[in-house]
Amino acid sequence: MASEKLTCVQLRGRAARDEVLKLAPRYQDVIIDVGRRDTTTQKAALTIANLVILPIPPRGYVKRSLKPQVAQ
């Protein structure tokens, strides 16, 4: 079984955007975890993201509109 290499870096602020753009061509997937606060790093990540996953529980209308198996 081949061993896959995992590269981890810690970047903050606007520099995160520039560094991720440099790293992206070398990898199939780049995952950015920015936490829950509204920060410069979060905004920088959002400007280059192809997909954004917000791990927050659905509430109100959204929860009622989801299929039962998804809302659980």
C-alpha atoms as a PDB file:
ATOM      1  CA  MET A   1       0.000   0.000   0.000  1.00  0.00           C
ATOM      2  CA  ALA A   2       1.403   3.376  -1.017  1.00  0.00           C
ATOM      3  CA  SER A   3       1.853   5.983   1.653  1.00  0.00           C
ATOM      4  CA  GLU A   4       0.313   9.349   0.822  1.00  0.00           C
ATOM      5  CA  LYS A   5       2.004  12.518   1.952  1.00  0.00           C
ATOM      6  CA  LEU A   6       0.003  15.132   3.827  1.00  0.00           C
ATOM      7  CA  THR A   7       1.235  18.702   3.857  1.00  0.00           C
ATOM      8  CA  CYS A   8       0.014  21.061   6.588  1.00  0.00           C
ATOM      9  CA  VAL A   9       0.758  24.759   6.825  1.00  0.00           C
ATOM     10  CA  GLN A  10      -0.465  27.532   9.087  1.00  0.00           C
ATOM     11  CA  LEU A  11      -1.256  30.816   7.376  1.00  0.00           C
ATOM     12  CA  ARG A  12      -2.988  33.933   8.620  1.00  0.00           C
ATOM     13  CA  GLY A  13      -4.535  37.009   7.094  1.00  0.00           C
ATOM     14  CA  ARG A  14      -4.362  38.021   3.459  1.00  0.00           C
ATOM     15  CA  ALA A  15      -1.138  36.053   2.985  1.00  0.00           C
ATOM     16  CA  ALA A  16      -3.246  32.891   3.236  1.00  0.00           C
ATOM     17  CA  ARG A  17      -4.837  33.625  -0.150  1.00  0.00           C
ATOM     18  CA  ASP A  18      -1.506  34.142  -1.926  1.00  0.00           C
ATOM     19  CA  GLU A  19       0.147  31.092  -0.380  1.00  0.00           C
ATOM     20  CA  VAL A  20      -2.815  28.802  -1.115  1.00  0.00           C
ATOM     21  CA  LEU A  21      -2.812  29.942  -4.739  1.00  0.00           C
ATOM     22  CA  LYS A  22       0.874  28.947  -4.897  1.00  0.00           C
ATOM     23  CA  LEU A  23       0.228  25.545  -3.290  1.00  0.00           C
ATOM     24  CA  ALA A  24      -2.961  24.637  -5.172  1.00  0.00           C
ATOM     25  CA  PRO A  25      -1.372  23.524  -8.489  1.00  0.00           C
ATOM     26  CA  ARG A  26       0.653  20.880  -6.624  1.00  0.00           C
ATOM     27  CA  TYR A  27      -2.362  19.207  -4.986  1.00  0.00           C
ATOM     28  CA  GLN A  28      -5.665  17.727  -6.049  1.00  0.00           C
ATOM     29  CA  ASP A  29      -7.430  19.115  -2.966  1.00  0.00           C
ATOM     30  CA  VAL A  30      -6.630  21.960  -0.605  1.00  0.00           C
ATOM     31  CA  ILE A  31      -8.635  22.153   2.606  1.00  0.00           C
ATOM     32  CA  ILE A  32      -8.739  25.386   4.584  1.00  0.00           C
ATOM     33  CA  ASP A  33     -10.100  25.464   8.119  1.00  0.00           C
ATOM     34  CA  VAL A  34     -10.606  29.045   9.257  1.00  0.00           C
ATOM     35  CA  GLY A  35     -12.687  28.736  12.405  1.00  0.00           C
ATOM     36  CA  ARG A  36     -15.961  30.444  13.227  1.00  0.00           C
ATOM     37  CA  ARG A  37     -15.069  34.102  13.567  1.00  0.00           C
ATOM     38  CA  ASP A  38     -15.303  36.682  10.790  1.00  0.00           C
ATOM     39  CA  THR A  39     -11.604  37.177  10.141  1.00  0.00           C
ATOM     40  CA  THR A  40      -9.342  38.417   7.379  1.00  0.00           C
ATOM     41  CA  THR A  41      -8.132  34.830   6.920  1.00  0.00           C
ATOM     42  CA  GLN A  42     -11.693  33.604   6.484  1.00  0.00           C
ATOM     43  CA  LYS A  43     -12.449  36.295   3.913  1.00  0.00           C
ATOM     44  CA  ALA A  44      -9.229  35.518   2.036  1.00  0.00           C
ATOM     45  CA  ALA A  45     -10.126  31.813   1.919  1.00  0.00           C
ATOM     46  CA  LEU A  46     -13.625  32.577   0.632  1.00  0.00           C
ATOM     47  CA  THR A  47     -12.225  34.576  -2.297  1.00  0.00           C
ATOM     48  CA  ILE A  48     -10.456  31.499  -3.707  1.00  0.00           C
ATOM     49  CA  ALA A  49     -12.745  28.656  -2.631  1.00  0.00           C
ATOM     50  CA  ASN A  50     -14.457  26.357  -5.125  1.00  0.00           C
ATOM     51  CA  LEU A  51     -16.573  24.880  -2.339  1.00  0.00           C
ATOM     52  CA  VAL A  52     -17.509  26.206   1.092  1.00  0.00           C
ATOM     53  CA  ILE A  53     -18.788  23.941   3.849  1.00  0.00           C
ATOM     54  CA  LEU A  54     -20.367  25.666   6.819  1.00  0.00           C
ATOM     55  CA  PRO A  55     -20.746  23.141   9.641  1.00  0.00           C
ATOM     56  CA  ILE A  56     -23.650  24.829  11.392  1.00  0.00           C
ATOM     57  CA  PRO A  57     -26.920  23.149  12.299  1.00  0.00           C
ATOM     58  CA  PRO A  58     -29.913  24.152  10.168  1.00  0.00           C
ATOM     59  CA  ARG A  59     -32.621  26.164  11.938  1.00  0.00           C
ATOM     60  CA  GLY A  60     -36.173  27.323  11.354  1.00  0.00           C
ATOM     61  CA  TYR A  61     -37.384  27.324   7.766  1.00  0.00           C
ATOM     62  CA  VAL A  62     -34.235  25.654   6.440  1.00  0.00           C
ATOM     63  CA  LYS A  63     -34.596  22.747   8.852  1.00  0.00           C
ATOM     64  CA  ARG A  64     -38.282  22.287   7.967  1.00  0.00           C
ATOM     65  CA  SER A  65     -37.519  22.343   4.238  1.00  0.00           C
ATOM     66  CA  LEU A  66     -34.839  19.626   4.397  1.00  0.00           C
ATOM     67  CA  LYS A  67     -35.669  16.008   3.807  1.00  0.00           C
ATOM     68  CA  PRO A  68     -36.041  14.116   7.120  1.00  0.00           C
ATOM     69  CA  GLN A  69     -32.925  11.976   6.593  1.00  0.00           C
ATOM     70  CA  VAL A  70     -30.782  15.063   5.946  1.00  0.00           C
ATOM     71  CA  ALA A  71     -32.033  17.113   8.908  1.00  0.00           C
ATOM     72  CA  GLN A  72     -31.224  14.398  11.474  1.00  0.00           C
END
